[in-house]
Amino acid sequence: MEHRVGQRSYCRLPVTLRNRRTGEVRGEILDISAGGALIKVADDAAIPQGLVKIEFQTPPPEQTPCEWSALVVRKTSDTIGVMFDRRHKETVAWRMQSRTKSYTQALNM
């Protein structure tokens, strides 16, 4: 059953996840939508569970700092899926939709 909220935008954005139990984990956002994101992480042992804070910057030229709450809803050996806190969904959609499309186009050139 598909639970995605909004259209997925593929990107490659550095991200930091913070969690009380695992501390700080660095990764890369692979895709993002208004409802959540898929994040590649380097170390399986450090994959957080539960609530996390996600910190990243929107793609150039704005590079706006973002810090959002999210819930880890899916894990594999090197990726996690997160669902954004409800209050962030409109902000995510507004900030990321057009910017990640232009960023993805720049990556593919």
N, C-alpha and C. Protein backbone atom coordinates (compact mmCIF):
# COMPACT_ATOMS: atom_id res chain seq x y z
N MET A 1 0.84 -1.19 0.00
CA MET A 1 0.00 0.00 0.00
C MET A 1 0.88 1.24 0.00
N GLU A 2 0.63 2.15 -0.90
CA GLU A 2 1.42 3.37 -1.06
C GLU A 2 0.93 4.43 -0.07
N HIS A 3 1.87 4.98 0.70
CA HIS A 3 1.52 6.02 1.68
C HIS A 3 2.17 7.36 1.34
N ARG A 4 2.81 7.46 0.19
CA ARG A 4 3.56 8.66 -0.17
C ARG A 4 2.64 9.87 -0.25
N VAL A 5 3.14 10.99 0.29
CA VAL A 5 2.41 12.26 0.23
C VAL A 5 3.19 13.18 -0.71
N GLY A 6 2.64 13.47 -1.86
CA GLY A 6 3.32 14.36 -2.81
C GLY A 6 4.24 13.59 -3.72
N GLN A 7 4.69 14.28 -4.75
CA GLN A 7 5.58 13.68 -5.74
C GLN A 7 7.00 13.59 -5.21
N ARG A 8 7.65 12.47 -5.49
CA ARG A 8 9.02 12.25 -5.07
C ARG A 8 9.97 13.00 -6.00
N SER A 9 10.95 13.69 -5.41
CA SER A 9 11.99 14.38 -6.18
C SER A 9 13.32 13.73 -5.85
N TYR A 10 14.03 13.28 -6.88
CA TYR A 10 15.33 12.64 -6.67
C TYR A 10 16.39 13.71 -6.51
N CYS A 11 17.30 13.48 -5.59
CA CYS A 11 18.34 14.46 -5.31
C CYS A 11 19.52 13.77 -4.63
N ARG A 12 20.54 14.51 -4.35
CA ARG A 12 21.70 14.02 -3.59
C ARG A 12 22.12 15.17 -2.68
N LEU A 13 21.55 15.21 -1.49
CA LEU A 13 21.82 16.29 -0.56
C LEU A 13 22.44 15.74 0.72
N PRO A 14 23.56 16.29 1.15
CA PRO A 14 24.14 15.88 2.44
C PRO A 14 23.15 16.17 3.57
N VAL A 15 23.08 15.26 4.54
CA VAL A 15 22.13 15.41 5.64
C VAL A 15 22.77 14.92 6.93
N THR A 16 22.37 15.51 8.04
CA THR A 16 22.76 15.05 9.37
C THR A 16 21.50 14.67 10.11
N LEU A 17 21.50 13.47 10.70
CA LEU A 17 20.38 13.00 11.52
C LEU A 17 20.85 12.98 12.97
N ARG A 18 20.02 13.49 13.85
CA ARG A 18 20.34 13.49 15.28
C ARG A 18 19.27 12.73 16.04
N ASN A 19 19.75 11.88 16.96
CA ASN A 19 18.88 11.04 17.76
C ASN A 19 19.52 10.89 19.12
N ARG A 20 18.72 10.87 20.18
CA ARG A 20 19.27 10.76 21.54
C ARG A 20 20.10 9.51 21.74
N ARG A 21 19.65 8.40 21.18
CA ARG A 21 20.36 7.12 21.39
C ARG A 21 21.59 6.96 20.53
N THR A 22 21.50 7.34 19.24
CA THR A 22 22.61 7.09 18.32
C THR A 22 23.50 8.30 18.11
N GLY A 23 23.08 9.45 18.63
CA GLY A 23 23.87 10.66 18.43
C GLY A 23 23.70 11.19 17.02
N GLU A 24 24.81 11.57 16.40
CA GLU A 24 24.78 12.18 15.07
C GLU A 24 25.19 11.16 14.01
N VAL A 25 24.41 11.09 12.95
CA VAL A 25 24.69 10.20 11.82
C VAL A 25 24.63 11.06 10.55
N ARG A 26 25.65 10.93 9.72
CA ARG A 26 25.67 11.67 8.45
C ARG A 26 25.24 10.75 7.32
N GLY A 27 24.58 11.35 6.34
CA GLY A 27 24.11 10.58 5.20
C GLY A 27 23.84 11.46 4.01
N GLU A 28 23.02 10.95 3.09
CA GLU A 28 22.70 11.67 1.87
C GLU A 28 21.23 11.41 1.52
N ILE A 29 20.47 12.47 1.34
CA ILE A 29 19.08 12.32 0.92
C ILE A 29 19.09 11.90 -0.55
N LEU A 30 18.44 10.76 -0.84
CA LEU A 30 18.36 10.25 -2.21
C LEU A 30 17.09 10.70 -2.91
N ASP A 31 16.00 10.79 -2.16
CA ASP A 31 14.77 11.35 -2.70
C ASP A 31 13.97 11.94 -1.55
N ILE A 32 13.12 12.90 -1.92
CA ILE A 32 12.34 13.62 -0.92
C ILE A 32 10.98 13.95 -1.50
N SER A 33 9.97 13.93 -0.65
CA SER A 33 8.62 14.35 -1.04
C SER A 33 8.05 15.15 0.13
N ALA A 34 6.84 15.62 -0.01
CA ALA A 34 6.22 16.39 1.06
C ALA A 34 6.04 15.55 2.32
N GLY A 35 5.98 14.22 2.17
CA GLY A 35 5.73 13.36 3.32
C GLY A 35 6.95 12.77 3.97
N GLY A 36 8.08 12.71 3.25
CA GLY A 36 9.25 12.08 3.84
C GLY A 36 10.42 12.02 2.88
N ALA A 37 11.42 11.21 3.24
CA ALA A 37 12.63 11.12 2.43
C ALA A 37 13.26 9.74 2.57
N LEU A 38 14.05 9.37 1.56
CA LEU A 38 14.88 8.18 1.61
C LEU A 38 16.31 8.66 1.78
N ILE A 39 16.99 8.14 2.80
CA ILE A 39 18.33 8.62 3.15
C ILE A 39 19.31 7.47 3.16
N LYS A 40 20.43 7.64 2.45
CA LYS A 40 21.50 6.66 2.46
C LYS A 40 22.43 7.01 3.62
N VAL A 41 22.76 5.99 4.41
CA VAL A 41 23.67 6.18 5.53
C VAL A 41 24.87 5.25 5.36
N ALA A 42 25.98 5.64 5.95
CA ALA A 42 27.22 4.89 5.75
C ALA A 42 27.35 3.68 6.67
N ASP A 43 26.87 3.77 7.89
CA ASP A 43 27.15 2.74 8.89
C ASP A 43 25.86 2.12 9.40
N ASP A 44 25.66 0.83 9.11
CA ASP A 44 24.46 0.12 9.53
C ASP A 44 24.26 0.18 11.04
N ALA A 45 25.32 0.09 11.81
CA ALA A 45 25.21 0.07 13.27
C ALA A 45 24.69 1.38 13.84
N ALA A 46 24.86 2.47 13.09
CA ALA A 46 24.47 3.78 13.60
C ALA A 46 23.09 4.22 13.13
N ILE A 47 22.36 3.36 12.44
CA ILE A 47 21.05 3.77 11.94
C ILE A 47 20.11 4.03 13.12
N PRO A 48 19.58 5.26 13.18
CA PRO A 48 18.70 5.61 14.29
C PRO A 48 17.33 4.97 14.17
N GLN A 49 16.64 4.91 15.30
CA GLN A 49 15.26 4.44 15.35
C GLN A 49 14.42 5.53 16.00
N GLY A 50 13.12 5.50 15.72
CA GLY A 50 12.22 6.45 16.37
C GLY A 50 12.33 7.85 15.79
N LEU A 51 12.20 8.85 16.66
CA LEU A 51 12.23 10.24 16.22
C LEU A 51 13.65 10.71 15.98
N VAL A 52 13.81 11.50 14.91
CA VAL A 52 15.11 12.09 14.58
C VAL A 52 14.92 13.54 14.17
N LYS A 53 15.97 14.31 14.31
CA LYS A 53 16.04 15.66 13.74
C LYS A 53 16.85 15.53 12.48
N ILE A 54 16.38 16.11 11.38
CA ILE A 54 17.07 16.07 10.10
C ILE A 54 17.53 17.48 9.78
N GLU A 55 18.83 17.62 9.50
CA GLU A 55 19.38 18.92 9.15
C GLU A 55 20.06 18.84 7.79
N PHE A 56 19.68 19.75 6.89
CA PHE A 56 20.29 19.82 5.56
C PHE A 56 20.05 21.20 4.98
N GLN A 57 20.62 21.45 3.82
CA GLN A 57 20.40 22.70 3.11
C GLN A 57 19.71 22.41 1.79
N THR A 58 18.81 23.30 1.40
CA THR A 58 18.18 23.15 0.09
C THR A 58 19.26 23.32 -0.98
N PRO A 59 19.01 22.82 -2.18
CA PRO A 59 20.00 22.91 -3.26
C PRO A 59 20.33 24.36 -3.63
N PRO A 60 21.47 24.59 -4.29
CA PRO A 60 21.82 25.93 -4.77
C PRO A 60 20.76 26.44 -5.73
N PRO A 61 20.55 27.72 -5.87
CA PRO A 61 21.37 28.77 -5.28
C PRO A 61 20.95 29.19 -3.89
N GLU A 62 19.75 28.82 -3.41
CA GLU A 62 19.28 29.30 -2.11
C GLU A 62 20.09 28.75 -0.95
N GLN A 63 20.30 27.46 -0.91
CA GLN A 63 21.00 26.76 0.18
C GLN A 63 20.44 27.17 1.55
N THR A 64 19.12 27.12 1.66
CA THR A 64 18.44 27.47 2.90
C THR A 64 18.60 26.35 3.92
N PRO A 65 19.08 26.66 5.13
CA PRO A 65 19.19 25.62 6.16
C PRO A 65 17.80 25.13 6.58
N CYS A 66 17.65 23.82 6.72
CA CYS A 66 16.39 23.22 7.15
C CYS A 66 16.67 22.29 8.32
N GLU A 67 15.80 22.32 9.29
CA GLU A 67 15.88 21.40 10.43
C GLU A 67 14.46 20.95 10.73
N TRP A 68 14.19 19.65 10.49
CA TRP A 68 12.84 19.13 10.64
C TRP A 68 12.84 17.88 11.51
N SER A 69 11.72 17.65 12.16
CA SER A 69 11.50 16.42 12.91
C SER A 69 10.95 15.36 11.98
N ALA A 70 11.35 14.11 12.21
CA ALA A 70 10.87 13.01 11.36
C ALA A 70 10.86 11.72 12.18
N LEU A 71 10.15 10.76 11.67
CA LEU A 71 10.06 9.44 12.29
C LEU A 71 10.65 8.42 11.32
N VAL A 72 11.58 7.59 11.80
CA VAL A 72 12.14 6.53 10.98
C VAL A 72 11.07 5.45 10.82
N VAL A 73 10.67 5.20 9.57
CA VAL A 73 9.59 4.24 9.31
C VAL A 73 10.05 3.01 8.53
N ARG A 74 11.25 3.05 7.98
CA ARG A 74 11.77 1.90 7.21
C ARG A 74 13.29 1.91 7.28
N LYS A 75 13.89 0.72 7.40
CA LYS A 75 15.34 0.60 7.46
C LYS A 75 15.80 -0.57 6.60
N THR A 76 16.94 -0.38 5.91
CA THR A 76 17.65 -1.47 5.26
C THR A 76 19.09 -1.38 5.78
N SER A 77 20.00 -2.14 5.21
CA SER A 77 21.37 -2.11 5.70
C SER A 77 22.07 -0.78 5.47
N ASP A 78 21.64 -0.02 4.45
CA ASP A 78 22.32 1.25 4.20
C ASP A 78 21.39 2.42 3.89
N THR A 79 20.07 2.24 4.05
CA THR A 79 19.14 3.35 3.85
C THR A 79 18.08 3.36 4.95
N ILE A 80 17.53 4.53 5.16
CA ILE A 80 16.38 4.65 6.05
C ILE A 80 15.32 5.49 5.35
N GLY A 81 14.08 5.19 5.62
CA GLY A 81 12.96 5.99 5.14
C GLY A 81 12.41 6.75 6.33
N VAL A 82 12.19 8.04 6.16
CA VAL A 82 11.64 8.85 7.24
C VAL A 82 10.35 9.50 6.79
N MET A 83 9.46 9.70 7.74
CA MET A 83 8.20 10.40 7.51
C MET A 83 8.29 11.71 8.28
N PHE A 84 8.09 12.83 7.58
CA PHE A 84 8.18 14.13 8.23
C PHE A 84 7.01 14.37 9.18
N ASP A 85 7.30 15.13 10.21
CA ASP A 85 6.28 15.60 11.13
C ASP A 85 5.23 16.35 10.31
N ARG A 86 3.99 16.16 10.61
CA ARG A 86 2.86 16.74 9.87
C ARG A 86 3.02 18.25 9.64
N ARG A 87 3.53 18.97 10.61
CA ARG A 87 3.62 20.43 10.47
C ARG A 87 4.66 20.87 9.43
N HIS A 88 5.54 19.95 9.01
CA HIS A 88 6.57 20.30 8.04
C HIS A 88 6.16 20.01 6.60
N LYS A 89 5.10 19.27 6.39
CA LYS A 89 4.77 18.79 5.04
C LYS A 89 4.58 19.90 4.02
N GLU A 90 3.86 20.95 4.37
CA GLU A 90 3.67 22.04 3.41
C GLU A 90 4.97 22.77 3.15
N THR A 91 5.78 22.96 4.19
CA THR A 91 7.07 23.63 4.04
C THR A 91 7.99 22.82 3.15
N VAL A 92 8.01 21.51 3.36
CA VAL A 92 8.86 20.64 2.54
C VAL A 92 8.44 20.73 1.09
N ALA A 93 7.17 20.62 0.83
CA ALA A 93 6.67 20.65 -0.54
C ALA A 93 7.03 21.97 -1.21
N TRP A 94 6.83 23.06 -0.50
CA TRP A 94 7.09 24.38 -1.06
C TRP A 94 8.58 24.59 -1.32
N ARG A 95 9.43 24.22 -0.38
CA ARG A 95 10.87 24.48 -0.52
C ARG A 95 11.57 23.53 -1.47
N MET A 96 11.15 22.27 -1.50
CA MET A 96 11.92 21.27 -2.20
C MET A 96 11.45 20.94 -3.61
N GLN A 97 10.18 21.04 -3.90
CA GLN A 97 9.66 20.52 -5.16
C GLN A 97 10.39 21.09 -6.37
N SER A 98 10.38 22.38 -6.57
CA SER A 98 11.03 22.93 -7.76
C SER A 98 12.54 22.94 -7.63
N ARG A 99 13.05 23.12 -6.43
CA ARG A 99 14.49 23.21 -6.25
C ARG A 99 15.18 21.87 -6.50
N THR A 100 14.61 20.77 -6.04
CA THR A 100 15.26 19.48 -6.27
C THR A 100 15.17 19.09 -7.74
N LYS A 101 14.12 19.51 -8.42
CA LYS A 101 14.03 19.20 -9.85
C LYS A 101 15.18 19.88 -10.60
N SER A 102 15.43 21.15 -10.31
CA SER A 102 16.53 21.85 -10.99
C SER A 102 17.87 21.28 -10.55
N TYR A 103 17.98 20.88 -9.29
CA TYR A 103 19.21 20.29 -8.79
C TYR A 103 19.46 18.93 -9.46
N THR A 104 18.42 18.13 -9.60
CA THR A 104 18.55 16.83 -10.27
C THR A 104 18.96 17.02 -11.72
N GLN A 105 18.39 17.99 -12.38
CA GLN A 105 18.77 18.26 -13.77
C GLN A 105 20.23 18.65 -13.85
N ALA A 106 20.73 19.44 -12.92
CA ALA A 106 22.14 19.85 -12.91
C ALA A 106 23.05 18.63 -12.69
N LEU A 107 22.63 17.69 -11.83
CA LEU A 107 23.42 16.49 -11.58
C LEU A 107 23.54 15.62 -12.82
N ASN A 108 22.50 15.60 -13.63
CA ASN A 108 22.47 14.74 -14.81
C ASN A 108 23.17 15.34 -16.03
N MET A 109 23.64 16.54 -15.95
CA MET A 109 24.32 17.18 -17.09
C MET A 109 25.73 16.68 -17.23
